[in-house]
Amino acid sequence: MNVKINGTDKTATLSMFNDNTGVDSVVDFVGNYDALADGKFVYDDETGTYSTDQDTFDWWDKVITDNKLLEERIADLKVKHDPEAVDEVVHASADVDLEDMAAAVNKALDEGFEGSEGK
């Protein structure tokens, strides 16, 4: 997702690329939280880019990075443990604000699978 930062000449990229599927789901991820509909990102048909302010870009960049790392951790845990048990921990801990979700789920995974990740 190419993003023009308002008030600058800077263009940056938001990406949530899944190495296993080869799909970049960042537009779906951002859209699922209404940031494409609420005016935080404005799409320009001519350039094929979105525009937003620096603070919004930085916030989404962190949230996307945190959640991508969380997805990778969850996938790894599902290989080492019962996938349903991992899903139970994830679902039980994910009912928080988006910016807090990765930290909350990671904490729950730490508690639920303590010592089992080779730490």
N, C-alpha and C. Protein backbone atom coordinates (compact mmCIF):
# COMPACT_ATOMS: atom_id res chain seq x y z
N MET A 1 0.87 -1.16 0.00
CA MET A 1 0.00 0.00 0.00
C MET A 1 0.91 1.22 0.00
N ASN A 2 0.99 1.90 -1.13
CA ASN A 2 1.80 3.10 -1.24
C ASN A 2 1.05 4.28 -0.64
N VAL A 3 1.76 5.04 0.21
CA VAL A 3 1.13 6.12 0.95
C VAL A 3 1.95 7.39 0.80
N LYS A 4 1.28 8.44 0.36
CA LYS A 4 1.88 9.78 0.31
C LYS A 4 1.61 10.43 1.65
N ILE A 5 2.68 10.94 2.27
CA ILE A 5 2.54 11.60 3.57
C ILE A 5 2.20 13.06 3.31
N ASN A 6 1.03 13.47 3.79
CA ASN A 6 0.55 14.85 3.58
C ASN A 6 1.56 15.86 4.09
N GLY A 7 1.72 16.94 3.32
CA GLY A 7 2.61 18.03 3.72
C GLY A 7 4.08 17.75 3.48
N THR A 8 4.39 16.64 2.82
CA THR A 8 5.78 16.29 2.52
C THR A 8 5.85 15.80 1.08
N ASP A 9 7.07 15.55 0.64
CA ASP A 9 7.27 14.91 -0.66
C ASP A 9 7.48 13.41 -0.49
N LYS A 10 7.29 12.92 0.73
CA LYS A 10 7.60 11.54 1.08
C LYS A 10 6.47 10.59 0.69
N THR A 11 6.87 9.48 0.09
CA THR A 11 5.96 8.36 -0.15
C THR A 11 6.55 7.16 0.57
N ALA A 12 5.71 6.43 1.29
CA ALA A 12 6.16 5.27 2.05
C ALA A 12 5.23 4.10 1.76
N THR A 13 5.59 2.95 2.26
CA THR A 13 4.82 1.74 1.99
C THR A 13 4.39 1.08 3.29
N LEU A 14 3.14 0.67 3.33
CA LEU A 14 2.63 -0.19 4.39
C LEU A 14 2.42 -1.56 3.75
N SER A 15 2.89 -2.60 4.41
CA SER A 15 2.78 -3.94 3.85
C SER A 15 2.56 -4.96 4.96
N MET A 16 1.75 -5.94 4.66
CA MET A 16 1.51 -7.06 5.57
C MET A 16 1.59 -8.33 4.74
N PHE A 17 2.77 -8.57 4.22
CA PHE A 17 3.02 -9.68 3.30
C PHE A 17 3.14 -10.99 4.07
N ASN A 18 2.39 -12.00 3.64
CA ASN A 18 2.44 -13.32 4.24
C ASN A 18 3.38 -14.18 3.41
N ASP A 19 4.49 -14.59 4.01
CA ASP A 19 5.49 -15.38 3.29
C ASP A 19 4.94 -16.74 2.84
N ASN A 20 3.99 -17.28 3.58
CA ASN A 20 3.44 -18.60 3.23
C ASN A 20 2.48 -18.54 2.06
N THR A 21 1.67 -17.49 1.99
CA THR A 21 0.67 -17.41 0.92
C THR A 21 1.09 -16.52 -0.23
N GLY A 22 2.06 -15.65 0.02
CA GLY A 22 2.49 -14.71 -1.02
C GLY A 22 1.53 -13.54 -1.21
N VAL A 23 0.64 -13.33 -0.24
CA VAL A 23 -0.38 -12.30 -0.34
C VAL A 23 -0.05 -11.14 0.60
N ASP A 24 -0.19 -9.93 0.09
CA ASP A 24 -0.06 -8.73 0.92
C ASP A 24 -1.48 -8.31 1.30
N SER A 25 -1.83 -8.49 2.56
CA SER A 25 -3.19 -8.25 3.01
C SER A 25 -3.36 -6.92 3.73
N VAL A 26 -2.43 -5.99 3.53
CA VAL A 26 -2.47 -4.75 4.29
C VAL A 26 -3.73 -3.92 4.01
N VAL A 27 -4.17 -3.85 2.77
CA VAL A 27 -5.37 -3.07 2.45
C VAL A 27 -6.59 -3.67 3.15
N ASP A 28 -6.69 -5.00 3.16
CA ASP A 28 -7.79 -5.65 3.87
C ASP A 28 -7.69 -5.38 5.37
N PHE A 29 -6.49 -5.50 5.92
CA PHE A 29 -6.30 -5.29 7.36
C PHE A 29 -6.69 -3.87 7.76
N VAL A 30 -6.18 -2.89 7.05
CA VAL A 30 -6.50 -1.49 7.35
C VAL A 30 -7.99 -1.23 7.11
N GLY A 31 -8.51 -1.77 6.04
CA GLY A 31 -9.92 -1.58 5.71
C GLY A 31 -10.85 -2.22 6.72
N ASN A 32 -10.46 -3.36 7.28
CA ASN A 32 -11.29 -4.03 8.28
C ASN A 32 -11.46 -3.19 9.53
N TYR A 33 -10.58 -2.24 9.75
CA TYR A 33 -10.69 -1.35 10.91
C TYR A 33 -11.15 0.04 10.49
N ASP A 34 -11.79 0.13 9.34
CA ASP A 34 -12.46 1.33 8.81
C ASP A 34 -11.56 2.51 8.49
N ALA A 35 -10.25 2.33 8.48
CA ALA A 35 -9.36 3.46 8.21
C ALA A 35 -9.39 3.90 6.75
N LEU A 36 -9.94 3.07 5.88
CA LEU A 36 -10.08 3.48 4.48
C LEU A 36 -11.40 4.18 4.24
N ALA A 37 -12.34 4.02 5.17
CA ALA A 37 -13.66 4.63 5.02
C ALA A 37 -13.84 5.86 5.89
N ASP A 38 -13.02 6.01 6.93
CA ASP A 38 -13.23 7.11 7.87
C ASP A 38 -12.41 8.36 7.54
N GLY A 39 -11.73 8.34 6.40
CA GLY A 39 -10.98 9.52 5.98
C GLY A 39 -9.54 9.57 6.45
N LYS A 40 -9.11 8.58 7.22
CA LYS A 40 -7.72 8.56 7.67
C LYS A 40 -6.77 8.37 6.47
N PHE A 41 -7.21 7.57 5.52
CA PHE A 41 -6.48 7.38 4.27
C PHE A 41 -7.40 7.79 3.13
N VAL A 42 -6.87 8.58 2.22
CA VAL A 42 -7.64 9.01 1.05
C VAL A 42 -6.95 8.44 -0.19
N TYR A 43 -7.73 7.74 -1.00
CA TYR A 43 -7.18 7.10 -2.20
C TYR A 43 -7.23 8.05 -3.38
N ASP A 44 -6.12 8.09 -4.14
CA ASP A 44 -6.03 8.90 -5.35
C ASP A 44 -6.01 7.95 -6.54
N ASP A 45 -7.10 7.93 -7.30
CA ASP A 45 -7.22 7.03 -8.45
C ASP A 45 -6.12 7.26 -9.49
N GLU A 46 -5.75 8.52 -9.70
CA GLU A 46 -4.77 8.84 -10.73
C GLU A 46 -3.39 8.27 -10.42
N THR A 47 -2.97 8.35 -9.17
CA THR A 47 -1.63 7.88 -8.81
C THR A 47 -1.63 6.48 -8.22
N GLY A 48 -2.80 5.98 -7.82
CA GLY A 48 -2.87 4.66 -7.21
C GLY A 48 -2.27 4.62 -5.82
N THR A 49 -2.24 5.77 -5.16
CA THR A 49 -1.69 5.84 -3.81
C THR A 49 -2.73 6.38 -2.84
N TYR A 50 -2.47 6.11 -1.59
CA TYR A 50 -3.28 6.66 -0.51
C TYR A 50 -2.51 7.85 0.06
N SER A 51 -3.21 8.75 0.73
CA SER A 51 -2.51 9.83 1.43
C SER A 51 -3.02 9.89 2.86
N THR A 52 -2.12 10.29 3.75
CA THR A 52 -2.45 10.44 5.16
C THR A 52 -1.39 11.31 5.82
N ASP A 53 -1.62 11.67 7.07
CA ASP A 53 -0.63 12.46 7.80
C ASP A 53 0.43 11.53 8.41
N GLN A 54 1.53 12.11 8.84
CA GLN A 54 2.65 11.33 9.37
C GLN A 54 2.25 10.53 10.61
N ASP A 55 1.50 11.14 11.52
CA ASP A 55 1.11 10.43 12.75
C ASP A 55 0.27 9.20 12.44
N THR A 56 -0.67 9.33 11.51
CA THR A 56 -1.51 8.18 11.14
C THR A 56 -0.67 7.10 10.50
N PHE A 57 0.23 7.49 9.60
CA PHE A 57 1.11 6.50 8.97
C PHE A 57 1.93 5.77 10.02
N ASP A 58 2.55 6.52 10.93
CA ASP A 58 3.40 5.91 11.96
C ASP A 58 2.61 4.95 12.84
N TRP A 59 1.38 5.35 13.22
CA TRP A 59 0.54 4.50 14.06
C TRP A 59 0.24 3.20 13.34
N TRP A 60 -0.20 3.29 12.08
CA TRP A 60 -0.52 2.08 11.33
C TRP A 60 0.72 1.24 11.04
N ASP A 61 1.84 1.86 10.78
CA ASP A 61 3.07 1.12 10.53
C ASP A 61 3.42 0.26 11.74
N LYS A 62 3.32 0.80 12.95
CA LYS A 62 3.61 0.04 14.16
C LYS A 62 2.59 -1.07 14.37
N VAL A 63 1.31 -0.76 14.23
CA VAL A 63 0.27 -1.77 14.43
C VAL A 63 0.44 -2.91 13.43
N ILE A 64 0.70 -2.59 12.19
CA ILE A 64 0.87 -3.62 11.16
C ILE A 64 2.10 -4.48 11.46
N THR A 65 3.21 -3.86 11.81
CA THR A 65 4.42 -4.60 12.14
C THR A 65 4.19 -5.52 13.33
N ASP A 66 3.59 -4.99 14.40
CA ASP A 66 3.31 -5.80 15.59
C ASP A 66 2.42 -6.99 15.27
N ASN A 67 1.39 -6.76 14.45
CA ASN A 67 0.46 -7.84 14.13
C ASN A 67 1.04 -8.85 13.16
N LYS A 68 1.91 -8.42 12.26
CA LYS A 68 2.57 -9.36 11.37
C LYS A 68 3.48 -10.29 12.18
N LEU A 69 4.24 -9.72 13.10
CA LEU A 69 5.09 -10.55 13.96
C LEU A 69 4.25 -11.50 14.82
N LEU A 70 3.11 -11.03 15.28
CA LEU A 70 2.21 -11.88 16.06
C LEU A 70 1.69 -13.03 15.20
N GLU A 71 1.28 -12.75 13.97
CA GLU A 71 0.80 -13.81 13.08
C GLU A 71 1.87 -14.87 12.86
N GLU A 72 3.12 -14.43 12.69
CA GLU A 72 4.22 -15.37 12.49
C GLU A 72 4.42 -16.22 13.74
N ARG A 73 4.32 -15.59 14.91
CA ARG A 73 4.48 -16.34 16.15
C ARG A 73 3.36 -17.36 16.32
N ILE A 74 2.15 -16.96 16.03
CA ILE A 74 1.01 -17.87 16.15
C ILE A 74 1.19 -19.06 15.22
N ALA A 75 1.59 -18.82 13.99
CA ALA A 75 1.81 -19.91 13.03
C ALA A 75 2.88 -20.87 13.53
N ASP A 76 3.95 -20.32 14.10
CA ASP A 76 5.02 -21.15 14.64
C ASP A 76 4.53 -21.98 15.82
N LEU A 77 3.77 -21.36 16.71
CA LEU A 77 3.23 -22.09 17.86
C LEU A 77 2.29 -23.21 17.43
N LYS A 78 1.54 -22.98 16.36
CA LYS A 78 0.61 -24.01 15.89
C LYS A 78 1.34 -25.23 15.34
N VAL A 79 2.57 -25.06 14.92
CA VAL A 79 3.38 -26.19 14.47
C VAL A 79 3.87 -26.98 15.68
N LYS A 80 4.19 -26.28 16.76
CA LYS A 80 4.76 -26.91 17.95
C LYS A 80 3.71 -27.42 18.94
N HIS A 81 2.51 -26.89 18.87
CA HIS A 81 1.47 -27.20 19.85
C HIS A 81 0.14 -27.46 19.13
N ASP A 82 -0.83 -27.88 19.91
CA ASP A 82 -2.16 -28.11 19.38
C ASP A 82 -2.71 -26.78 18.84
N PRO A 83 -3.00 -26.69 17.56
CA PRO A 83 -3.50 -25.44 16.98
C PRO A 83 -4.76 -24.91 17.67
N GLU A 84 -5.63 -25.82 18.11
CA GLU A 84 -6.84 -25.37 18.80
C GLU A 84 -6.51 -24.72 20.13
N ALA A 85 -5.51 -25.23 20.82
CA ALA A 85 -5.09 -24.64 22.10
C ALA A 85 -4.51 -23.25 21.87
N VAL A 86 -3.75 -23.09 20.82
CA VAL A 86 -3.19 -21.78 20.48
C VAL A 86 -4.33 -20.82 20.15
N ASP A 87 -5.28 -21.27 19.32
CA ASP A 87 -6.42 -20.42 18.97
C ASP A 87 -7.23 -20.00 20.19
N GLU A 88 -7.40 -20.90 21.14
CA GLU A 88 -8.14 -20.57 22.36
C GLU A 88 -7.47 -19.42 23.12
N VAL A 89 -6.16 -19.49 23.25
CA VAL A 89 -5.42 -18.43 23.95
C VAL A 89 -5.55 -17.12 23.19
N VAL A 90 -5.40 -17.18 21.88
CA VAL A 90 -5.50 -15.97 21.05
C VAL A 90 -6.87 -15.35 21.19
N HIS A 91 -7.91 -16.12 21.01
CA HIS A 91 -9.27 -15.58 21.05
C HIS A 91 -9.64 -15.05 22.43
N ALA A 92 -9.13 -15.68 23.47
CA ALA A 92 -9.45 -15.24 24.83
C ALA A 92 -8.77 -13.93 25.20
N SER A 93 -7.72 -13.57 24.47
CA SER A 93 -6.93 -12.39 24.85
C SER A 93 -7.01 -11.24 23.85
N ALA A 94 -7.69 -11.42 22.75
CA ALA A 94 -7.65 -10.45 21.66
C ALA A 94 -8.73 -9.37 21.72
N ASP A 95 -9.56 -9.37 22.74
CA ASP A 95 -10.65 -8.41 22.81
C ASP A 95 -10.19 -7.12 23.49
N VAL A 96 -9.27 -6.43 22.81
CA VAL A 96 -8.71 -5.17 23.29
C VAL A 96 -8.62 -4.22 22.10
N ASP A 97 -8.24 -2.97 22.36
CA ASP A 97 -8.05 -2.03 21.26
C ASP A 97 -6.97 -2.53 20.32
N LEU A 98 -7.10 -2.21 19.05
CA LEU A 98 -6.18 -2.71 18.03
C LEU A 98 -4.72 -2.43 18.37
N GLU A 99 -4.41 -1.22 18.85
CA GLU A 99 -3.01 -0.89 19.13
C GLU A 99 -2.45 -1.69 20.30
N ASP A 100 -3.32 -2.31 21.10
CA ASP A 100 -2.89 -3.11 22.25
C ASP A 100 -2.98 -4.61 22.00
N MET A 101 -3.57 -5.00 20.88
CA MET A 101 -3.86 -6.40 20.65
C MET A 101 -2.62 -7.28 20.59
N ALA A 102 -1.61 -6.91 19.82
CA ALA A 102 -0.43 -7.76 19.70
C ALA A 102 0.23 -7.97 21.05
N ALA A 103 0.36 -6.91 21.84
CA ALA A 103 0.99 -7.04 23.16
C ALA A 103 0.15 -7.93 24.08
N ALA A 104 -1.17 -7.77 24.06
CA ALA A 104 -2.04 -8.57 24.92
C ALA A 104 -1.99 -10.05 24.53
N VAL A 105 -2.04 -10.32 23.25
CA VAL A 105 -2.01 -11.71 22.79
C VAL A 105 -0.63 -12.32 23.06
N ASN A 106 0.43 -11.57 22.79
CA ASN A 106 1.77 -12.09 23.08
C ASN A 106 1.94 -12.41 24.56
N LYS A 107 1.42 -11.56 25.43
CA LYS A 107 1.49 -11.81 26.87
C LYS A 107 0.75 -13.10 27.22
N ALA A 108 -0.44 -13.27 26.67
CA ALA A 108 -1.22 -14.48 26.93
C ALA A 108 -0.51 -15.72 26.38
N LEU A 109 0.11 -15.60 25.21
CA LEU A 109 0.86 -16.72 24.65
C LEU A 109 2.07 -17.05 25.51
N ASP A 110 2.73 -16.01 26.03
CA ASP A 110 3.86 -16.24 26.95
C ASP A 110 3.40 -17.05 28.16
N GLU A 111 2.27 -16.66 28.71
CA GLU A 111 1.73 -17.33 29.90
C GLU A 111 1.23 -18.74 29.57
N GLY A 112 0.57 -18.87 28.43
CA GLY A 112 -0.02 -20.15 28.07
C GLY A 112 0.98 -21.19 27.59
N PHE A 113 2.09 -20.72 27.05
CA PHE A 113 3.08 -21.65 26.49
C PHE A 113 4.46 -21.35 27.06
N GLU A 114 4.49 -20.92 28.33
CA GLU A 114 5.73 -20.54 29.01
C GLU A 114 6.75 -21.66 28.94
N GLY A 115 7.95 -21.28 28.52
CA GLY A 115 9.05 -22.23 28.50
C GLY A 115 9.02 -23.20 27.35
N SER A 116 8.01 -23.11 26.50
CA SER A 116 7.90 -24.11 25.43
C SER A 116 8.39 -23.60 24.09
N GLU A 117 8.93 -22.37 24.08
CA GLU A 117 9.39 -21.81 22.82
C GLU A 117 10.91 -21.74 22.74
N GLY A 118 11.57 -22.35 23.67
CA GLY A 118 13.02 -22.34 23.63
C GLY A 118 13.62 -21.04 24.06
N LYS A 119 12.92 -20.31 24.93
CA LYS A 119 13.43 -19.02 25.41
C LYS A 119 14.56 -19.23 26.38
